[in-house]
Amino acid sequence: QVQLVESGGGLVQPGGSLRLSCAASGRIASINQMGWYRQPPGKQRELVADIASGGSTNYADSVKGRFTISRGNAKNTVYLQMSSLQSEDTAVYYCNFRKSRGFGRWDDYWGQGTQVTVSS
């Protein structure tokens, strides 16, 4: 019911910046949460940042002060501005859309993932 299209991944040098974008389409609920997860090589998927429909944000400790998550004005897009990138940030980044079903229940939707590689 919800489709996510990601863009912005690529190769960047340490200390550089990169901006990821995700657009959601389909049956979008007004109450939702969007975010970014990543999976480094050989490791489990982890939360990077998320943002609620009301605008509140949440960041992993490892990216605080370096990454910024934001929504588009229609609230069907989400961006991740990444600065001061390190080799440890290398991972496949996934866009996440969490849709409320009511009664405290949620459904999760995922993008296909975009590769971010930080290397000199």
Protein backbone atom coordinates (compact mmCIF):
# COMPACT_ATOMS: atom_id res chain seq x y z
CA GLN A 1 0.00 0.00 0.00
CA VAL A 2 3.03 2.28 0.45
CA GLN A 3 5.95 2.48 -1.95
CA LEU A 4 9.29 4.12 -1.12
CA VAL A 5 11.82 5.41 -3.64
CA GLU A 6 15.32 6.29 -2.41
CA SER A 7 18.10 8.29 -4.01
CA GLY A 8 21.34 10.05 -3.14
CA GLY A 9 23.71 7.24 -2.24
CA GLY A 10 27.21 7.01 -3.62
CA LEU A 11 30.92 7.24 -2.92
CA VAL A 12 32.28 10.06 -0.77
CA GLN A 13 35.63 10.82 0.87
CA PRO A 14 36.04 10.91 4.66
CA GLY A 15 34.91 14.26 6.01
CA GLY A 16 32.59 14.79 3.07
CA SER A 17 28.83 15.22 2.89
CA LEU A 18 25.97 13.40 1.24
CA ARG A 19 22.20 13.91 1.12
CA LEU A 20 19.74 11.01 0.92
CA SER A 21 16.16 11.41 -0.23
CA CYS A 22 13.10 9.17 0.09
CA ALA A 23 9.65 9.72 -1.41
CA ALA A 24 6.61 7.77 -0.24
CA SER A 25 3.54 7.15 -2.36
CA GLY A 26 0.33 5.18 -2.05
CA ARG A 27 -2.04 5.15 0.89
CA ILE A 28 -0.25 7.61 3.15
CA ALA A 29 -1.63 8.03 6.65
CA SER A 30 -1.55 11.43 8.34
CA ILE A 31 -0.13 9.85 11.48
CA ASN A 32 3.13 8.19 10.56
CA GLN A 33 6.84 8.05 11.22
CA MET A 34 9.61 8.05 8.63
CA GLY A 35 13.23 7.26 9.16
CA TRP A 36 16.52 5.87 7.98
CA TYR A 37 18.19 2.62 8.95
CA ARG A 38 21.52 1.26 7.81
CA GLN A 39 23.27 -2.09 7.64
CA PRO A 40 27.09 -2.03 7.64
CA PRO A 41 28.95 -4.98 6.11
CA GLY A 42 28.74 -8.00 8.39
CA LYS A 43 26.52 -6.26 10.94
CA GLN A 44 22.84 -6.06 11.79
CA ARG A 45 20.54 -3.30 10.62
CA GLU A 46 20.44 -0.32 12.97
CA LEU A 47 18.43 2.86 13.36
CA VAL A 48 20.09 6.03 12.10
CA ALA A 49 17.34 8.62 12.62
CA ASP A 50 13.59 8.98 12.46
CA ILE A 51 11.04 11.78 12.43
CA ALA A 52 7.39 11.75 13.46
CA SER A 53 4.57 13.45 11.57
CA GLY A 54 4.57 16.13 14.27
CA GLY A 55 8.24 16.87 13.63
CA SER A 56 9.98 15.32 16.63
CA THR A 57 13.26 13.60 15.77
CA ASN A 58 15.39 10.80 17.14
CA TYR A 59 19.05 10.04 16.34
CA ALA A 60 21.47 7.27 17.03
CA ASP A 61 24.29 8.40 19.31
CA SER A 62 26.86 7.66 16.62
CA VAL A 63 25.41 10.25 14.22
CA LYS A 64 24.29 13.03 16.56
CA GLY A 65 25.71 16.37 15.50
CA ARG A 66 26.65 15.05 12.06
CA PHE A 67 23.37 13.91 10.48
CA THR A 68 20.09 15.80 10.15
CA ILE A 69 16.73 14.26 9.26
CA SER A 70 13.90 16.39 7.87
CA ARG A 71 10.55 16.12 6.10
CA GLY A 72 9.29 17.74 2.94
CA ASN A 73 6.38 20.16 3.14
CA ALA A 74 3.90 17.48 2.00
CA LYS A 75 5.23 15.09 4.68
CA ASN A 76 5.52 12.31 2.14
CA THR A 77 9.26 12.83 1.70
CA VAL A 78 12.15 12.50 4.10
CA TYR A 79 15.78 13.60 3.79
CA LEU A 80 18.97 12.68 5.55
CA GLN A 81 21.75 15.26 5.38
CA MET A 82 25.01 13.56 6.29
CA SER A 83 28.13 15.54 7.15
CA SER A 84 31.60 14.72 8.49
CA LEU A 85 31.23 11.24 7.07
CA GLN A 86 33.51 8.52 8.39
CA SER A 87 34.44 5.08 7.12
CA GLU A 88 32.23 3.64 9.86
CA ASP A 89 29.23 5.21 8.10
CA THR A 90 29.68 2.88 5.13
CA ALA A 91 26.49 0.82 4.83
CA VAL A 92 23.37 0.16 2.85
CA TYR A 93 20.86 2.80 3.93
CA TYR A 94 17.15 1.96 3.98
CA CYS A 95 14.21 4.34 4.09
CA ASN A 96 11.48 3.33 6.53
CA PHE A 97 7.82 4.34 6.67
CA ARG A 98 5.79 3.40 9.76
CA LYS A 99 2.05 3.74 9.26
CA SER A 100 -0.49 3.82 12.06
CA ARG A 101 -3.34 1.29 11.88
CA GLY A 102 -5.00 2.61 15.02
CA PHE A 103 -5.35 0.89 18.38
CA GLY A 104 -1.59 1.18 18.94
CA ARG A 105 -0.78 -0.94 15.88
CA TRP A 106 1.71 -0.04 13.15
CA ASP A 107 2.79 -1.36 9.73
CA ASP A 108 6.36 -0.94 8.43
CA TYR A 109 7.35 -0.35 4.81
CA TRP A 110 10.89 -0.32 3.42
CA GLY A 111 12.76 1.04 0.46
CA GLN A 112 15.11 -1.12 -1.59
CA GLY A 113 18.21 0.43 -0.03
CA THR A 114 20.95 2.69 -1.33
CA GLN A 115 24.69 2.13 -0.90
CA VAL A 116 26.78 4.75 0.89
CA THR A 117 30.54 4.19 0.75
CA VAL A 118 32.98 6.44 2.61
CA SER A 119 36.52 5.88 1.37
CA SER A 120 39.55 7.86 0.28
